[in-house]
Amino acid sequence: MKKRYLFILSLILPLFILSSCKDDNDILSDDDYFIVYEEEEYVIDKRPLNPNEVLEIPIVMAAERGEDVVLTIGVDEQNSTAVEGTDFEFVNGPEITFKDGVGEEVLIIAPLYGGTPGDLELVLFLESNTAGYNMGFYQGEDGEETVKNEVVCFFVAGADVTFIIKDTYGDLLDEEEATITAGPFNNEPGEYLFKDIPQGSHAYIVEVDGFATATGMIETEGGEEKEVEVAVRARYDVEFSIIDEDDADIEEAVITLGRTTNDPGDYIFEDVVYGEVNVTVEKEGYVSIVDSTIKVDKDIDVPYVLQMETAYKVEFEVSDDDGNPITKGVEIEISEVIEEEEKRNRKDNGNGNGNGNGEEEEEEEYIYWLPVGEYEYTASKEGYISYSGTFEVIDENLVIEPELAVPIDVKFVVEDAESFDRLGGAKITLVCDDTDQEFTNFSKSSGIYTVSVRSGDYTYTVEVSDYRTEEGSITVDEEKTVRVEMQYLLHVGFNLTDKDTEDPVNDATITLECTDTNEVFENDPGDYIFRVIPGEYEYTIEHEDYETKQNTVNITESIMFELELTPVEDD
């Protein structure tokens, strides 16, 4: 008997499928026709994240074309822990019909949720066929045979997660029925146990009438039992009363509670979530109340008294980063935070008192008289890193203490990630994590960039045309060099045509997903050009008049894909 190995099955099978009569050149004689599983093992979650996910088990029949053949699949109940009807069901079995007695058919098995606990195994074997063909794959010669007649399906158990729902005071909510969503799974109201959630990270949502929606993340591992405690916050009504210093009611004030701003004169907020929340009260001609905090733990009435506006003294006490006072040569610029075209600037020309007379004193004072408002300022002096910030004049004099720092140089070496050639034309931006102060250096042809900053923790961004923007974090306490490798962006285009008419297809939506990073790129309908880094991508093309097209491609260079779309048949 000729040697026949499973790995060449895909090469010889077409010869059987295409054969219409037997001759002296047949690869197998009649008594050598066989049926075989394509793989020996398959794995699926007992409760897949996709409820439509099933096991698809290809079965191959190698024979001469002829009459239909019916194959019966058997369950090895002695070696199986999964039970039909309890843990799984045959979608198209256990009898499979092979058209013309040759080719490949797929046995489909769906897992059933809530059956036998734990990891399960299902052992299937080729029980019988109506043509009497060999079942299993044969190897060897001179009568020596090995039959691989079984396939094992593994059903992987997930985690059993019980949610414990409490109110803000830590009391269990026994009578209220919460609606819980965990990942893609939804339980009935009041049902807090989720069985067999697959291993991984899952978002959850808890909703209870009269309470704020609670959200979060859970991490699960296969086979574990886990309790997740969730606190939901109650909702209450808050009513404000706004009066002046003479106890007279003030109408048409604007109140912002947390992130909600009511219309002028509307002083009632309904369904406010339990907890501490910031309040802002504004009325033209009065000093605004900003970021006042109230505690909402019941229905409450909140009174506020607004004061008429006036001017207040704002004094700047400038020092270096070692705390030493700087009393001469500081320039201070102040601008009120209002509409840009109306912004009023006040600038100290170095004498510190803001009168603009230019007379230098032995020791300078930096004093301004400002009305109620929010302001931006910058303090600078030659040889130091300037300091920018904001302050708000509300109802009292202020002392502002900007700190000017001796600059520290941070050198960036920007290179191509593949060739390691240095790249010119980069924009380097550093933002201080504590102050949000921004430092920038633009293009230089050498590929080496120096940015002078104050000490602290920074987030940096490197931008170069035709390259992916890179970000990172550094701590600056001394001069240092940062090497940044940039990924070149390839041009990837799609030319779409109608399969039948060869006309261009416009307004399709194309999505690219990088299988390595899970990064998703989606353009507007009709925009078929992408800029991506090299890697493996799955593209999806959608159009209401055409069948969706998907494929996985390895992109190593700029490329234009020429693709045909199949029109959707009219019903």
Protein backbone atom coordinates (compact mmCIF):
# COMPACT_ATOMS: atom_id res chain seq x y z
CA MET A 1 0.00 0.00 0.00
CA LYS A 2 1.31 3.45 -0.89
CA LYS A 3 2.43 5.80 1.89
CA ARG A 4 -0.18 8.48 2.48
CA TYR A 5 0.36 11.29 4.99
CA LEU A 6 -2.11 13.80 6.38
CA PHE A 7 -0.04 16.83 5.44
CA ILE A 8 -0.43 16.06 1.69
CA LEU A 9 -4.18 15.54 1.98
CA SER A 10 -4.88 19.06 0.75
CA LEU A 11 -2.80 18.34 -2.37
CA ILE A 12 -4.36 15.04 -3.39
CA LEU A 13 -7.97 15.78 -2.41
CA PRO A 14 -8.76 17.94 -5.49
CA LEU A 15 -7.83 14.99 -7.71
CA PHE A 16 -10.61 12.93 -6.10
CA ILE A 17 -13.12 15.75 -6.19
CA LEU A 18 -12.50 16.45 -9.86
CA SER A 19 -12.50 12.79 -10.88
CA SER A 20 -15.60 11.65 -12.78
CA CYS A 21 -14.54 8.11 -13.75
CA LYS A 22 -12.04 5.54 -12.55
CA ASP A 23 -9.01 4.65 -14.66
CA ASP A 24 -5.54 3.18 -14.24
CA ASN A 25 -4.23 6.53 -12.92
CA ASP A 26 -6.48 6.67 -9.79
CA ILE A 27 -4.37 7.59 -6.72
CA LEU A 28 -6.47 5.35 -4.44
CA SER A 29 -8.32 2.21 -5.26
CA ASP A 30 -11.98 1.82 -4.28
CA ASP A 31 -11.20 0.09 -1.04
CA ASP A 32 -8.81 2.89 -0.04
CA TYR A 33 -11.39 5.71 -0.07
CA PHE A 34 -11.47 7.36 3.34
CA ILE A 35 -13.05 10.01 5.57
CA VAL A 36 -10.95 12.04 8.02
CA TYR A 37 -11.13 14.93 10.49
CA GLU A 38 -8.98 17.86 9.38
CA GLU A 39 -7.75 18.60 12.94
CA GLU A 40 -7.62 16.58 16.15
CA GLU A 41 -8.48 19.27 18.74
CA TYR A 42 -10.75 22.33 18.98
CA VAL A 43 -11.23 24.82 21.83
CA ILE A 44 -14.11 27.20 22.66
CA ASP A 45 -15.28 29.11 25.75
CA LYS A 46 -18.32 27.62 27.45
CA ARG A 47 -19.88 31.07 27.27
CA PRO A 48 -18.24 32.90 24.34
CA LEU A 49 -18.14 36.68 24.28
CA ASN A 50 -19.81 36.42 20.88
CA PRO A 51 -23.09 34.54 21.50
CA ASN A 52 -23.03 33.34 17.89
CA GLU A 53 -19.60 31.73 18.18
CA VAL A 54 -19.60 27.99 17.39
CA LEU A 55 -17.12 25.18 16.79
CA GLU A 56 -16.63 24.50 13.10
CA ILE A 57 -15.05 21.07 12.51
CA PRO A 58 -14.06 20.36 8.88
CA ILE A 59 -14.39 16.73 7.72
CA VAL A 60 -12.86 15.54 4.43
CA MET A 61 -14.12 12.66 2.23
CA ALA A 62 -11.48 11.40 -0.27
CA ALA A 63 -13.25 9.29 -2.88
CA GLU A 64 -14.48 9.20 -6.42
CA ARG A 65 -17.43 11.42 -7.32
CA GLY A 66 -20.69 9.53 -7.26
CA GLU A 67 -23.77 9.19 -5.09
CA ASP A 68 -24.36 11.30 -1.97
CA VAL A 69 -22.83 9.75 1.14
CA VAL A 70 -24.24 10.23 4.65
CA LEU A 71 -21.71 10.24 7.51
CA THR A 72 -22.83 9.67 11.11
CA ILE A 73 -20.84 11.27 13.93
CA GLY A 74 -20.76 9.41 17.25
CA VAL A 75 -20.19 10.73 20.78
CA ASP A 76 -17.74 8.81 22.96
CA GLU A 77 -19.83 9.13 26.10
CA GLN A 78 -17.36 7.14 28.23
CA ASN A 79 -14.55 9.66 27.61
CA SER A 80 -16.69 12.80 27.27
CA THR A 81 -17.69 15.06 30.17
CA ALA A 82 -19.82 17.35 27.99
CA VAL A 83 -23.44 16.22 27.64
CA GLU A 84 -25.51 16.76 24.51
CA GLY A 85 -28.50 18.99 25.19
CA THR A 86 -26.95 20.20 28.44
CA ASP A 87 -23.53 21.49 27.45
CA PHE A 88 -23.64 21.48 23.66
CA GLU A 89 -25.89 20.87 20.69
CA PHE A 90 -25.30 19.78 17.10
CA VAL A 91 -26.23 22.62 14.77
CA ASN A 92 -26.04 20.44 11.65
CA GLY A 93 -25.33 16.93 12.91
CA PRO A 94 -24.73 14.27 13.95
CA GLU A 95 -25.49 13.18 10.37
CA ILE A 96 -23.57 14.99 7.63
CA THR A 97 -24.35 14.56 3.91
CA PHE A 98 -21.48 14.76 1.39
CA LYS A 99 -22.81 15.91 -1.97
CA ASP A 100 -21.64 13.52 -4.72
CA GLY A 101 -19.71 11.57 -2.09
CA VAL A 102 -16.58 13.75 -2.08
CA GLY A 103 -15.18 17.02 -0.75
CA GLU A 104 -15.30 18.82 2.60
CA GLU A 105 -18.22 19.41 4.95
CA VAL A 106 -18.24 21.23 8.28
CA LEU A 107 -19.74 19.84 11.47
CA ILE A 108 -21.02 22.73 13.60
CA ILE A 109 -21.36 22.47 17.39
CA ALA A 110 -22.72 25.23 19.64
CA PRO A 111 -21.88 25.44 23.37
CA LEU A 112 -24.82 25.70 25.77
CA TYR A 113 -24.53 28.02 28.75
CA GLY A 114 -25.37 26.95 32.31
CA GLY A 115 -24.82 23.19 32.13
CA THR A 116 -22.19 20.96 33.71
CA PRO A 117 -19.69 23.01 35.79
CA GLY A 118 -15.94 23.15 35.10
CA ASP A 119 -13.86 22.54 31.98
CA LEU A 120 -15.45 19.94 29.72
CA GLU A 121 -14.32 17.61 26.94
CA LEU A 122 -16.32 16.19 24.05
CA VAL A 123 -14.85 13.24 22.14
CA LEU A 124 -16.38 12.63 18.71
CA PHE A 125 -15.65 9.72 16.39
CA LEU A 126 -16.61 8.78 12.85
CA GLU A 127 -19.26 6.16 13.55
CA SER A 128 -20.51 5.03 10.13
CA ASN A 129 -21.12 6.07 6.53
CA THR A 130 -23.51 4.84 3.91
CA ALA A 131 -20.74 4.07 1.38
CA GLY A 132 -18.68 1.89 3.69
CA TYR A 133 -15.54 4.03 3.20
CA ASN A 134 -12.58 3.82 5.58
CA MET A 135 -12.99 6.22 8.48
CA GLY A 136 -9.91 7.92 9.87
CA PHE A 137 -6.60 8.54 8.13
CA TYR A 138 -4.36 5.58 7.22
CA GLN A 139 -0.55 5.62 7.31
CA GLY A 140 2.06 2.97 6.64
CA GLU A 141 2.54 0.25 4.09
CA ASP A 142 2.53 -3.55 3.83
CA GLY A 143 -0.76 -3.69 5.71
CA GLU A 144 0.36 -1.54 8.63
CA GLU A 145 -2.35 0.99 9.43
CA THR A 146 -2.93 3.77 11.95
CA VAL A 147 -6.44 5.19 12.31
CA LYS A 148 -7.02 8.73 13.59
CA ASN A 149 -10.74 8.53 13.97
CA GLU A 150 -11.41 10.97 16.84
CA VAL A 151 -11.59 14.70 17.50
CA VAL A 152 -11.60 16.27 20.97
CA CYS A 153 -13.53 19.48 21.65
CA PHE A 154 -12.53 21.41 24.78
CA PHE A 155 -15.14 23.66 26.43
CA VAL A 156 -13.22 26.12 28.66
CA ALA A 157 -14.94 27.26 31.85
CA GLY A 158 -14.95 30.95 32.71
CA ALA A 159 -15.29 32.75 36.02
CA ASP A 160 -18.42 32.78 38.17
CA VAL A 161 -18.89 36.42 39.19
CA THR A 162 -21.36 37.52 41.87
CA PHE A 163 -22.15 41.22 42.15
CA ILE A 164 -22.90 42.63 45.60
CA ILE A 165 -24.85 45.89 45.32
CA LYS A 166 -24.69 48.41 48.18
CA ASP A 167 -25.79 51.99 48.68
CA THR A 168 -23.48 54.86 49.56
CA TYR A 169 -23.69 54.01 53.26
CA GLY A 170 -22.57 50.43 52.69
CA ASP A 171 -26.00 48.86 53.20
CA LEU A 172 -27.06 46.01 50.92
CA LEU A 173 -29.82 46.81 48.45
CA ASP A 174 -32.02 43.77 49.07
CA GLU A 175 -35.38 45.01 47.86
CA GLU A 176 -34.24 47.04 44.84
CA GLU A 177 -33.59 45.01 41.71
CA ALA A 178 -30.44 46.07 39.89
CA THR A 179 -29.96 45.52 36.18
CA ILE A 180 -26.38 44.44 35.51
CA THR A 181 -24.42 44.17 32.29
CA ALA A 182 -21.03 42.43 32.44
CA GLY A 183 -19.14 42.58 29.16
CA PRO A 184 -21.66 41.52 26.49
CA PHE A 185 -23.80 39.59 29.01
CA ASN A 186 -27.09 40.82 30.47
CA ASN A 187 -28.86 39.18 33.42
CA GLU A 188 -32.48 39.55 34.42
CA PRO A 189 -33.16 42.33 37.00
CA GLY A 190 -32.27 41.03 40.47
CA GLU A 191 -30.03 38.24 39.10
CA TYR A 192 -26.53 39.08 40.36
CA LEU A 193 -24.63 35.87 39.46
CA PHE A 194 -22.88 35.66 36.10
CA LYS A 195 -21.55 32.19 35.30
CA ASP A 196 -18.65 31.31 32.99
CA ILE A 197 -17.52 34.81 32.05
CA PRO A 198 -14.46 34.22 29.80
CA GLN A 199 -10.99 35.12 31.04
CA GLY A 200 -10.05 38.77 30.44
CA SER A 201 -11.06 42.36 31.20
CA HIS A 202 -14.75 43.21 31.12
CA ALA A 203 -16.65 46.45 31.66
CA TYR A 204 -19.73 46.34 33.86
CA ILE A 205 -22.75 48.62 34.23
CA VAL A 206 -25.09 48.57 37.26
CA GLU A 207 -28.43 50.38 37.08
CA VAL A 208 -30.89 50.76 39.98
CA ASP A 209 -33.99 52.96 39.96
CA GLY A 210 -33.43 56.06 42.08
CA PHE A 211 -29.65 55.68 42.00
CA ALA A 212 -26.85 56.83 39.72
CA THR A 213 -25.52 54.31 37.19
CA ALA A 214 -22.30 52.67 38.40
CA THR A 215 -19.60 51.48 36.00
CA GLY A 216 -16.25 49.76 36.33
CA MET A 217 -13.95 46.98 35.14
CA ILE A 218 -13.44 43.41 36.31
CA GLU A 219 -10.57 41.02 35.61
CA THR A 220 -11.53 37.34 35.36
CA GLU A 221 -9.61 34.08 35.18
CA GLY A 222 -10.96 30.75 34.04
CA GLY A 223 -12.55 28.63 36.75
CA GLU A 224 -12.44 31.22 39.55
CA GLU A 225 -15.29 32.34 41.77
CA LYS A 226 -15.30 36.06 42.36
CA GLU A 227 -17.35 38.66 44.22
CA VAL A 228 -17.53 42.24 42.97
CA GLU A 229 -18.82 44.87 45.39
CA VAL A 230 -20.44 47.88 43.73
CA ALA A 231 -21.67 51.00 45.52
CA VAL A 232 -24.45 52.95 43.81
CA ARG A 233 -25.13 56.51 44.78
CA ALA A 234 -28.62 57.83 45.48
CA ARG A 235 -30.11 60.88 43.73
CA TYR A 236 -31.60 63.95 45.48
CA ASP A 237 -33.08 67.38 44.66
CA VAL A 238 -31.12 70.56 45.39
CA GLU A 239 -32.73 74.04 45.48
CA PHE A 240 -30.71 77.27 45.75
CA SER A 241 -31.70 80.68 47.09
CA ILE A 242 -29.55 83.61 45.89
CA ILE A 243 -29.63 86.89 47.85
CA ASP A 244 -27.52 90.03 48.19
CA GLU A 245 -25.93 91.43 51.34
CA ASP A 246 -29.22 93.13 52.24
CA ASP A 247 -31.11 89.81 52.07
CA ALA A 248 -32.87 90.85 48.86
CA ASP A 249 -33.51 88.10 46.29
CA ILE A 250 -31.24 88.13 43.23
CA GLU A 251 -32.95 87.02 40.02
CA GLU A 252 -31.50 85.55 36.83
CA ALA A 253 -28.27 84.30 38.41
CA VAL A 254 -26.59 81.41 36.55
CA ILE A 255 -25.80 78.35 38.70
CA THR A 256 -23.51 75.50 37.71
CA LEU A 257 -23.73 72.37 39.86
CA GLY A 258 -20.98 69.93 38.97
CA ARG A 259 -21.13 69.74 35.18
CA THR A 260 -24.72 70.93 34.85
CA THR A 261 -25.51 74.59 34.19
CA ASN A 262 -29.13 75.67 34.50
CA ASP A 263 -30.79 78.52 32.62
CA PRO A 264 -30.58 81.97 34.28
CA GLY A 265 -33.02 82.12 37.19
CA ASP A 266 -33.50 78.33 37.37
CA TYR A 267 -32.35 77.48 40.89
CA ILE A 268 -33.64 73.87 41.16
CA PHE A 269 -31.54 70.81 40.26
CA GLU A 270 -33.26 67.42 40.24
CA ASP A 271 -31.75 63.93 40.53
CA VAL A 272 -28.36 65.11 41.81
CA VAL A 273 -26.05 62.19 42.62
CA TYR A 274 -25.02 61.65 46.26
CA GLY A 275 -21.65 63.12 47.20
CA GLU A 276 -19.66 66.34 47.29
CA VAL A 277 -20.17 68.59 44.27
CA ASN A 278 -18.79 71.97 43.20
CA VAL A 279 -21.07 74.99 42.82
CA THR A 280 -20.50 78.15 40.77
CA VAL A 281 -22.90 81.11 41.00
CA GLU A 282 -22.55 83.99 38.51
CA LYS A 283 -24.43 87.24 38.13
CA GLU A 284 -23.26 90.33 36.26
CA GLY A 285 -22.25 93.10 38.68
CA TYR A 286 -21.62 90.68 41.53
CA VAL A 287 -18.58 88.74 42.71
CA SER A 288 -18.92 85.19 41.40
CA ILE A 289 -18.88 82.22 43.75
CA VAL A 290 -16.54 79.68 42.17
CA ASP A 291 -15.96 76.02 43.13
CA SER A 292 -17.83 76.18 46.37
CA THR A 293 -18.44 72.63 47.61
CA ILE A 294 -21.69 71.23 49.00
CA LYS A 295 -22.50 67.73 50.23
CA VAL A 296 -25.61 66.15 48.73
CA ASP A 297 -26.88 63.37 51.00
CA LYS A 298 -30.57 64.34 51.08
CA ASP A 299 -32.97 66.84 49.49
CA ILE A 300 -31.49 70.20 50.52
CA ASP A 301 -31.97 73.98 50.23
CA VAL A 302 -28.71 75.92 49.73
CA PRO A 303 -28.52 79.71 50.31
CA TYR A 304 -25.78 81.89 48.77
CA VAL A 305 -25.05 85.58 49.35
CA LEU A 306 -23.47 87.51 46.43
CA GLN A 307 -21.33 90.61 47.00
CA MET A 308 -21.09 93.57 44.65
CA GLU A 309 -17.89 93.77 42.57
CA THR A 310 -14.90 95.92 43.60
CA ALA A 311 -11.14 96.11 42.93
CA TYR A 312 -8.57 94.17 44.92
CA LYS A 313 -4.81 94.32 45.39
CA VAL A 314 -2.80 91.62 43.61
CA GLU A 315 0.89 91.49 44.58
CA PHE A 316 3.52 89.29 42.92
CA GLU A 317 6.38 87.94 45.08
CA VAL A 318 8.86 86.42 42.62
CA SER A 319 11.60 83.94 43.59
CA ASP A 320 13.99 81.50 41.91
CA ASP A 321 13.67 77.71 42.15
CA ASP A 322 15.82 77.73 45.32
CA GLY A 323 13.40 80.09 47.06
CA ASN A 324 15.59 83.21 46.78
CA PRO A 325 13.58 86.43 46.16
CA ILE A 326 13.97 88.15 42.78
CA THR A 327 13.24 91.84 43.32
CA LYS A 328 14.56 93.47 40.15
CA GLY A 329 14.18 93.12 36.39
CA VAL A 330 11.09 90.93 36.32
CA GLU A 331 8.54 91.55 33.56
CA ILE A 332 4.96 90.57 34.34
CA GLU A 333 2.18 90.35 31.78
CA ILE A 334 -1.45 89.91 32.87
CA SER A 335 -4.48 89.35 30.66
CA GLU A 336 -8.07 88.93 31.74
CA VAL A 337 -9.63 85.62 30.69
CA ILE A 338 -12.45 86.89 28.48
CA GLU A 339 -13.22 86.83 24.76
CA GLU A 340 -9.96 87.12 22.79
CA GLU A 341 -10.98 90.26 20.89
CA GLU A 342 -11.83 91.97 24.20
CA LYS A 343 -8.82 90.79 26.17
CA ARG A 344 -7.36 93.57 28.28
CA ASN A 345 -3.59 93.34 28.85
CA ARG A 346 -1.60 94.84 31.69
CA LYS A 347 2.19 94.76 31.33
CA ASP A 348 4.88 95.58 33.87
CA ASN A 349 7.89 97.07 32.03
CA GLY A 350 10.38 96.20 34.74
CA ASN A 351 9.74 98.79 37.44
CA GLY A 352 7.36 96.45 39.19
CA ASN A 353 4.60 98.84 40.19
CA GLY A 354 2.69 98.80 36.93
CA ASN A 355 2.71 102.62 36.48
CA GLY A 356 4.84 102.47 33.30
CA ASN A 357 7.15 105.36 34.29
CA GLY A 358 10.33 103.28 33.68
CA GLU A 359 12.07 104.50 36.83
CA GLU A 360 14.19 101.67 38.27
CA GLU A 361 14.18 101.44 42.04
CA GLU A 362 16.60 99.71 44.38
CA GLU A 363 13.97 97.11 45.15
CA GLU A 364 10.87 96.73 43.05
CA GLU A 365 7.30 95.89 43.95
CA TYR A 366 4.96 94.14 41.53
CA ILE A 367 1.49 95.33 42.54
CA TYR A 368 -1.76 95.61 40.57
CA TRP A 369 -5.31 96.63 41.44
CA LEU A 370 -7.74 94.37 39.61
CA PRO A 371 -11.51 93.91 39.56
CA VAL A 372 -13.19 90.59 40.13
CA GLY A 373 -12.30 88.13 37.37
CA GLU A 374 -10.09 85.30 36.21
CA TYR A 375 -6.64 86.17 34.88
CA GLU A 376 -3.68 84.62 33.09
CA TYR A 377 -0.16 85.89 33.77
CA THR A 378 3.46 85.35 32.74
CA ALA A 379 6.48 86.34 34.85
CA SER A 380 9.83 86.45 33.02
CA LYS A 381 13.40 87.58 33.51
CA GLU A 382 16.46 87.23 31.30
CA GLY A 383 18.45 84.07 32.13
CA TYR A 384 15.47 82.24 33.65
CA ILE A 385 12.65 80.02 32.47
CA SER A 386 9.49 82.13 32.55
CA TYR A 387 6.52 81.09 34.67
CA SER A 388 2.89 81.18 33.50
CA GLY A 389 -0.25 80.61 35.50
CA THR A 390 -3.74 81.76 36.33
CA PHE A 391 -5.39 83.37 39.33
CA GLU A 392 -8.86 84.55 40.22
CA VAL A 393 -9.84 87.73 42.04
CA ILE A 394 -12.99 87.05 44.04
CA ASP A 395 -13.45 89.01 47.24
CA GLU A 396 -10.02 89.64 48.80
CA ASN A 397 -6.48 90.81 48.09
CA LEU A 398 -4.11 88.22 46.62
CA VAL A 399 -0.42 87.36 46.78
CA ILE A 400 0.88 85.44 43.78
CA GLU A 401 4.25 83.63 44.14
CA PRO A 402 5.66 82.70 40.70
CA GLU A 403 8.92 80.75 40.67
CA LEU A 404 11.48 81.43 37.93
CA ALA A 405 13.86 78.56 37.23
CA VAL A 406 17.38 78.29 35.84
CA PRO A 407 16.99 76.40 32.54
CA ILE A 408 18.01 72.74 32.17
CA ASP A 409 18.78 71.50 28.64
CA VAL A 410 17.08 68.34 27.37
CA LYS A 411 18.54 67.05 24.09
CA PHE A 412 16.37 64.96 21.76
CA VAL A 413 17.94 62.76 19.08
CA VAL A 414 15.24 61.87 16.54
CA GLU A 415 15.90 58.87 14.26
CA ASP A 416 14.14 56.65 11.73
CA ALA A 417 13.26 53.37 13.50
CA GLU A 418 14.42 51.25 10.55
CA SER A 419 17.49 53.02 9.11
CA PHE A 420 18.46 54.94 12.28
CA ASP A 421 19.03 58.02 10.08
CA ARG A 422 18.54 61.23 12.01
CA LEU A 423 15.42 63.17 11.07
CA GLY A 424 15.19 66.91 10.57
CA GLY A 425 11.99 68.89 10.52
CA ALA A 426 10.71 67.62 13.88
CA LYS A 427 8.58 69.49 16.40
CA ILE A 428 9.39 68.68 20.04
CA THR A 429 6.85 69.64 22.72
CA LEU A 430 7.27 69.15 26.47
CA VAL A 431 4.40 69.79 28.90
CA CYS A 432 5.09 69.96 32.64
CA ASP A 433 2.85 67.48 34.47
CA ASP A 434 2.48 69.78 37.51
CA THR A 435 1.98 73.20 35.90
CA ASP A 436 0.91 72.37 32.29
CA GLN A 437 3.61 74.80 31.14
CA GLU A 438 4.61 74.01 27.57
CA PHE A 439 8.07 74.14 25.98
CA THR A 440 8.61 73.69 22.24
CA ASN A 441 11.50 73.36 19.78
CA PHE A 442 10.88 73.31 16.05
CA SER A 443 12.79 72.04 13.03
CA LYS A 444 16.55 71.64 12.79
CA SER A 445 18.24 69.81 9.93
CA SER A 446 20.66 67.86 12.15
CA GLY A 447 18.03 65.69 13.84
CA ILE A 448 19.24 66.88 17.26
CA TYR A 449 16.98 69.24 19.22
CA THR A 450 17.57 71.02 22.53
CA VAL A 451 14.71 72.22 24.73
CA SER A 452 15.42 74.30 27.85
CA VAL A 453 13.01 73.61 30.71
CA ARG A 454 12.68 73.83 34.47
CA SER A 455 13.12 70.72 36.65
CA GLY A 456 10.09 68.46 36.96
CA ASP A 457 8.14 65.64 35.36
CA TYR A 458 7.21 66.10 31.70
CA THR A 459 5.19 64.49 28.94
CA TYR A 460 6.87 64.94 25.57
CA THR A 461 5.54 64.71 22.01
CA VAL A 462 7.69 64.31 18.88
CA GLU A 463 6.09 65.12 15.51
CA VAL A 464 7.74 64.60 12.10
CA SER A 465 5.97 64.80 8.77
CA ASP A 466 5.21 61.33 7.29
CA TYR A 467 5.99 59.64 10.64
CA ARG A 468 3.79 58.48 13.49
CA THR A 469 3.73 60.91 16.43
CA GLU A 470 5.62 59.51 19.43
CA GLU A 471 4.94 60.34 23.08
CA GLY A 472 6.71 59.59 26.35
CA SER A 473 7.48 60.77 29.86
CA ILE A 474 10.73 61.99 31.45
CA THR A 475 11.88 63.42 34.76
CA VAL A 476 14.20 66.42 34.35
CA ASP A 477 16.59 67.05 37.23
CA GLU A 478 19.78 67.44 35.17
CA GLU A 479 20.85 67.73 31.55
CA LYS A 480 19.95 64.59 29.62
CA THR A 481 19.57 63.11 26.15
CA VAL A 482 16.42 61.37 24.92
CA ARG A 483 16.62 59.13 21.85
CA VAL A 484 13.33 58.80 19.92
CA GLU A 485 12.79 56.26 17.12
CA MET A 486 10.07 57.25 14.65
CA GLN A 487 7.89 54.80 12.68
CA TYR A 488 7.48 55.77 9.02
CA LEU A 489 3.86 55.98 7.87
CA LEU A 490 3.03 54.09 4.70
CA HIS A 491 0.43 55.20 2.16
CA VAL A 492 -2.28 52.55 1.84
CA GLY A 493 -5.03 53.12 -0.72
CA PHE A 494 -8.02 51.23 -2.01
CA ASN A 495 -9.38 51.36 -5.56
CA LEU A 496 -12.88 49.87 -5.43
CA THR A 497 -14.86 48.82 -8.50
CA ASP A 498 -18.19 47.12 -9.14
CA LYS A 499 -17.56 43.43 -9.93
CA ASP A 500 -20.25 43.40 -12.63
CA THR A 501 -19.91 46.81 -14.30
CA GLU A 502 -16.26 47.63 -13.39
CA ASP A 503 -17.48 51.14 -12.46
CA PRO A 504 -15.78 52.89 -9.50
CA VAL A 505 -17.52 52.43 -6.14
CA ASN A 506 -17.81 55.65 -4.14
CA ASP A 507 -18.81 56.37 -0.53
CA ALA A 508 -17.76 53.00 0.89
CA THR A 509 -16.58 52.91 4.51
CA ILE A 510 -13.20 51.26 5.07
CA THR A 511 -11.84 50.22 8.46
CA LEU A 512 -8.25 49.04 9.07
CA GLU A 513 -7.40 47.26 12.33
CA CYS A 514 -3.78 46.42 13.20
CA THR A 515 -3.75 42.88 14.57
CA ASP A 516 -0.52 43.57 16.50
CA THR A 517 -1.65 46.70 18.39
CA ASN A 518 -5.48 46.56 18.00
CA GLU A 519 -5.26 50.14 16.71
CA VAL A 520 -8.24 50.94 14.49
CA PHE A 521 -8.21 53.38 11.55
CA GLU A 522 -11.50 54.46 10.00
CA ASN A 523 -11.89 57.16 7.36
CA ASP A 524 -14.95 59.07 6.27
CA PRO A 525 -17.07 57.40 3.57
CA GLY A 526 -15.32 57.77 0.20
CA ASP A 527 -11.88 58.47 1.71
CA TYR A 528 -9.80 55.48 0.66
CA ILE A 529 -6.28 56.64 1.65
CA PHE A 530 -4.70 55.69 5.01
CA ARG A 531 -1.37 56.48 6.69
CA VAL A 532 -0.24 53.52 8.81
CA ILE A 533 2.92 51.89 10.15
CA PRO A 534 4.07 48.52 8.76
CA GLY A 535 2.27 45.49 10.18
CA GLU A 536 -0.53 43.01 9.75
CA TYR A 537 -3.96 44.56 9.25
CA GLU A 538 -7.51 43.36 8.82
CA TYR A 539 -9.54 45.54 6.49
CA THR A 540 -13.33 45.73 6.34
CA ILE A 541 -15.12 47.41 3.42
CA GLU A 542 -18.81 48.27 3.85
CA HIS A 543 -21.33 49.78 1.46
CA GLU A 544 -25.10 49.51 1.59
CA ASP A 545 -25.27 48.38 -2.06
CA TYR A 546 -22.49 45.77 -1.85
CA GLU A 547 -21.51 42.73 0.15
CA THR A 548 -19.09 43.45 3.01
CA LYS A 549 -15.52 42.51 2.12
CA GLN A 550 -12.90 41.51 4.71
CA ASN A 551 -9.34 40.23 4.52
CA THR A 552 -6.08 40.20 6.45
CA VAL A 553 -2.99 41.64 4.76
CA ASN A 554 0.64 42.19 5.74
CA ILE A 555 1.59 45.78 4.83
CA THR A 556 5.32 46.35 4.46
CA GLU A 557 5.33 49.16 1.90
CA SER A 558 3.04 51.76 0.42
CA ILE A 559 0.43 50.00 -1.68
CA MET A 560 -2.80 50.48 -3.63
CA PHE A 561 -5.28 47.60 -3.32
CA GLU A 562 -7.38 46.95 -6.40
CA LEU A 563 -10.58 45.30 -5.18
CA GLU A 564 -13.92 44.33 -6.68
CA LEU A 565 -17.15 44.57 -4.66
CA THR A 566 -20.05 42.22 -5.28
CA PRO A 567 -23.43 43.97 -5.57
CA VAL A 568 -26.14 42.91 -3.12
CA GLU A 569 -28.84 40.94 -4.89
CA ASP A 570 -32.31 42.50 -4.81
CA ASP A 571 -34.93 40.53 -2.89
